[in-house]
Amino acid sequence: MALSHKARRRWALVILLVGLPLYIVVAVSVVNWLDRPSILVELLVYVLLGIVWALPFKAVFKGVGREAPEDE
C-alpha cells in the first residue's frame, strides 16, 4: 500500500509536529533516568536516539520536499 505524495506530506507534518516533540520528551527522560552520566555518554545517547526515531519513518519522508509528480 503506497501512500500518495499528498498523504506522505500530511503524515510527515503530523510526525514532525506531534511525534517529534513527544520523542524529545522520551529521549530527555531516558537520559535523566541514567542519573546524569558523563557528557560523552549523554551525547552518544542523544545521537543514537536522534537517528533511531527517523528510521521507521524513512518511507514517509522520502521525496516530501519535491514537487508532486504529475501522474497523480
N, C-alpha and C. Protein backbone atom coordinates (compact mmCIF):
# COMPACT_ATOMS: atom_id res chain seq x y z
N MET A 1 0.84 -1.18 0.00
CA MET A 1 0.00 0.00 0.00
C MET A 1 0.89 1.24 0.00
N ALA A 2 0.99 1.87 -1.13
CA ALA A 2 1.83 3.05 -1.26
C ALA A 2 1.00 4.31 -0.98
N LEU A 3 1.60 5.21 -0.24
CA LEU A 3 0.93 6.48 0.05
C LEU A 3 1.12 7.45 -1.10
N SER A 4 0.11 8.25 -1.33
CA SER A 4 0.25 9.28 -2.36
C SER A 4 1.19 10.37 -1.84
N HIS A 5 1.63 11.21 -2.74
CA HIS A 5 2.54 12.28 -2.36
C HIS A 5 1.88 13.22 -1.34
N LYS A 6 0.62 13.53 -1.56
CA LYS A 6 -0.11 14.42 -0.65
C LYS A 6 -0.25 13.78 0.74
N ALA A 7 -0.53 12.48 0.77
CA ALA A 7 -0.66 11.78 2.05
C ALA A 7 0.68 11.73 2.79
N ARG A 8 1.77 11.48 2.04
CA ARG A 8 3.09 11.47 2.68
C ARG A 8 3.43 12.82 3.26
N ARG A 9 3.08 13.90 2.55
CA ARG A 9 3.35 15.25 3.07
C ARG A 9 2.57 15.50 4.35
N ARG A 10 1.31 15.08 4.37
CA ARG A 10 0.49 15.28 5.58
C ARG A 10 1.02 14.46 6.75
N TRP A 11 1.35 13.19 6.50
CA TRP A 11 1.89 12.36 7.57
C TRP A 11 3.23 12.88 8.08
N ALA A 12 4.06 13.38 7.20
CA ALA A 12 5.35 13.94 7.61
C ALA A 12 5.13 15.14 8.52
N LEU A 13 4.15 15.97 8.20
CA LEU A 13 3.84 17.12 9.04
C LEU A 13 3.35 16.69 10.41
N VAL A 14 2.48 15.70 10.46
CA VAL A 14 1.97 15.19 11.74
C VAL A 14 3.11 14.61 12.56
N ILE A 15 3.97 13.84 11.92
CA ILE A 15 5.10 13.23 12.63
C ILE A 15 6.02 14.30 13.20
N LEU A 16 6.29 15.34 12.44
CA LEU A 16 7.20 16.39 12.91
C LEU A 16 6.58 17.28 13.97
N LEU A 17 5.29 17.56 13.88
CA LEU A 17 4.65 18.48 14.83
C LEU A 17 4.17 17.80 16.11
N VAL A 18 3.83 16.52 16.02
CA VAL A 18 3.31 15.81 17.20
C VAL A 18 4.31 14.76 17.69
N GLY A 19 4.77 13.92 16.78
CA GLY A 19 5.63 12.80 17.18
C GLY A 19 7.01 13.20 17.65
N LEU A 20 7.62 14.15 16.98
CA LEU A 20 8.98 14.55 17.35
C LEU A 20 9.05 15.19 18.74
N PRO A 21 8.14 16.12 19.08
CA PRO A 21 8.19 16.65 20.46
C PRO A 21 7.98 15.57 21.52
N LEU A 22 7.10 14.62 21.25
CA LEU A 22 6.92 13.52 22.20
C LEU A 22 8.18 12.68 22.31
N TYR A 23 8.83 12.44 21.20
CA TYR A 23 10.06 11.67 21.21
C TYR A 23 11.18 12.41 21.95
N ILE A 24 11.22 13.72 21.83
CA ILE A 24 12.21 14.51 22.56
C ILE A 24 12.01 14.36 24.06
N VAL A 25 10.75 14.39 24.50
CA VAL A 25 10.46 14.20 25.93
C VAL A 25 10.93 12.83 26.38
N VAL A 26 10.70 11.81 25.57
CA VAL A 26 11.14 10.46 25.91
C VAL A 26 12.67 10.40 25.97
N ALA A 27 13.35 11.02 25.02
CA ALA A 27 14.81 10.99 25.00
C ALA A 27 15.39 11.68 26.23
N VAL A 28 14.85 12.82 26.61
CA VAL A 28 15.33 13.53 27.80
C VAL A 28 15.03 12.70 29.05
N SER A 29 13.89 12.04 29.08
CA SER A 29 13.55 11.19 30.23
C SER A 29 14.53 10.01 30.34
N VAL A 30 14.93 9.44 29.22
CA VAL A 30 15.89 8.34 29.25
C VAL A 30 17.23 8.82 29.80
N VAL A 31 17.69 9.97 29.38
CA VAL A 31 18.96 10.49 29.88
C VAL A 31 18.85 10.84 31.37
N ASN A 32 17.73 11.39 31.79
CA ASN A 32 17.54 11.68 33.21
C ASN A 32 17.48 10.39 34.03
N TRP A 33 16.93 9.34 33.45
CA TRP A 33 16.85 8.05 34.13
C TRP A 33 18.25 7.48 34.35
N LEU A 34 19.19 7.83 33.47
CA LEU A 34 20.56 7.35 33.61
C LEU A 34 21.33 8.08 34.71
N ASP A 35 20.68 9.00 35.40
CA ASP A 35 21.25 9.71 36.54
C ASP A 35 22.48 10.51 36.15
N ARG A 36 22.33 11.35 35.13
CA ARG A 36 23.35 12.31 34.67
C ARG A 36 24.71 11.64 34.43
N PRO A 37 24.79 10.89 33.32
CA PRO A 37 26.07 10.24 33.00
C PRO A 37 27.08 11.27 32.51
N SER A 38 28.27 10.80 32.17
CA SER A 38 29.29 11.71 31.65
C SER A 38 28.79 12.33 30.35
N ILE A 39 29.40 13.43 29.97
CA ILE A 39 28.95 14.18 28.80
C ILE A 39 29.06 13.36 27.53
N LEU A 40 30.08 12.50 27.43
CA LEU A 40 30.23 11.66 26.23
C LEU A 40 29.14 10.60 26.13
N VAL A 41 28.79 10.00 27.25
CA VAL A 41 27.70 9.01 27.26
C VAL A 41 26.38 9.69 26.93
N GLU A 42 26.17 10.85 27.51
CA GLU A 42 24.95 11.60 27.24
C GLU A 42 24.85 11.99 25.77
N LEU A 43 25.95 12.44 25.19
CA LEU A 43 25.98 12.79 23.77
C LEU A 43 25.70 11.57 22.90
N LEU A 44 26.31 10.45 23.24
CA LEU A 44 26.10 9.21 22.50
C LEU A 44 24.63 8.78 22.54
N VAL A 45 24.00 8.87 23.70
CA VAL A 45 22.58 8.51 23.83
C VAL A 45 21.72 9.42 22.97
N TYR A 46 21.97 10.73 23.01
CA TYR A 46 21.19 11.66 22.20
C TYR A 46 21.39 11.43 20.71
N VAL A 47 22.61 11.14 20.28
CA VAL A 47 22.87 10.89 18.87
C VAL A 47 22.17 9.61 18.42
N LEU A 48 22.29 8.55 19.20
CA LEU A 48 21.63 7.29 18.84
C LEU A 48 20.11 7.44 18.80
N LEU A 49 19.55 8.07 19.81
CA LEU A 49 18.10 8.27 19.81
C LEU A 49 17.66 9.21 18.70
N GLY A 50 18.50 10.15 18.33
CA GLY A 50 18.17 11.05 17.24
C GLY A 50 18.15 10.36 15.89
N ILE A 51 18.95 9.34 15.73
CA ILE A 51 18.95 8.58 14.48
C ILE A 51 17.83 7.54 14.48
N VAL A 52 17.64 6.89 15.61
CA VAL A 52 16.66 5.80 15.70
C VAL A 52 15.24 6.27 15.45
N TRP A 53 14.87 7.48 15.86
CA TRP A 53 13.48 7.90 15.72
C TRP A 53 13.08 8.05 14.26
N ALA A 54 14.00 8.38 13.39
CA ALA A 54 13.66 8.65 11.99
C ALA A 54 13.66 7.40 11.12
N LEU A 55 14.31 6.34 11.53
CA LEU A 55 14.41 5.15 10.69
C LEU A 55 13.05 4.55 10.31
N PRO A 56 12.10 4.42 11.22
CA PRO A 56 10.81 3.85 10.80
C PRO A 56 10.03 4.75 9.84
N PHE A 57 10.33 6.03 9.82
CA PHE A 57 9.58 6.97 9.01
C PHE A 57 10.30 7.36 7.72
N LYS A 58 11.33 6.63 7.37
CA LYS A 58 12.12 6.96 6.19
C LYS A 58 11.26 6.99 4.93
N ALA A 59 10.35 6.04 4.78
CA ALA A 59 9.50 5.99 3.60
C ALA A 59 8.54 7.17 3.54
N VAL A 60 8.11 7.64 4.71
CA VAL A 60 7.18 8.78 4.73
C VAL A 60 7.89 10.06 4.31
N PHE A 61 9.12 10.26 4.77
CA PHE A 61 9.84 11.50 4.49
C PHE A 61 10.48 11.52 3.11
N LYS A 62 10.63 10.38 2.48
CA LYS A 62 11.33 10.30 1.20
C LYS A 62 10.54 11.03 0.11
N GLY A 63 11.14 12.05 -0.48
CA GLY A 63 10.54 12.79 -1.58
C GLY A 63 9.52 13.83 -1.19
N VAL A 64 9.36 14.11 0.10
CA VAL A 64 8.35 15.06 0.55
C VAL A 64 8.70 16.48 0.12
N GLY A 65 9.96 16.82 0.07
CA GLY A 65 10.37 18.17 -0.28
C GLY A 65 10.30 18.50 -1.76
N ARG A 66 10.06 17.51 -2.57
CA ARG A 66 9.97 17.72 -4.01
C ARG A 66 8.55 18.09 -4.42
N GLU A 67 8.42 18.56 -5.64
CA GLU A 67 7.09 18.84 -6.16
C GLU A 67 6.37 17.52 -6.41
N ALA A 68 5.04 17.59 -6.38
CA ALA A 68 4.25 16.40 -6.60
C ALA A 68 4.44 15.89 -8.02
N PRO A 69 4.51 14.59 -8.19
CA PRO A 69 4.63 14.05 -9.55
C PRO A 69 3.37 14.38 -10.35
N GLU A 70 3.54 14.51 -11.64
CA GLU A 70 2.42 14.93 -12.48
C GLU A 70 1.43 13.81 -12.76
N ASP A 71 1.80 12.56 -12.52
CA ASP A 71 0.89 11.46 -12.85
C ASP A 71 -0.18 11.24 -11.77
N GLU A 72 -0.11 11.94 -10.64
CA GLU A 72 -1.12 11.79 -9.59
C GLU A 72 -2.30 12.69 -9.83
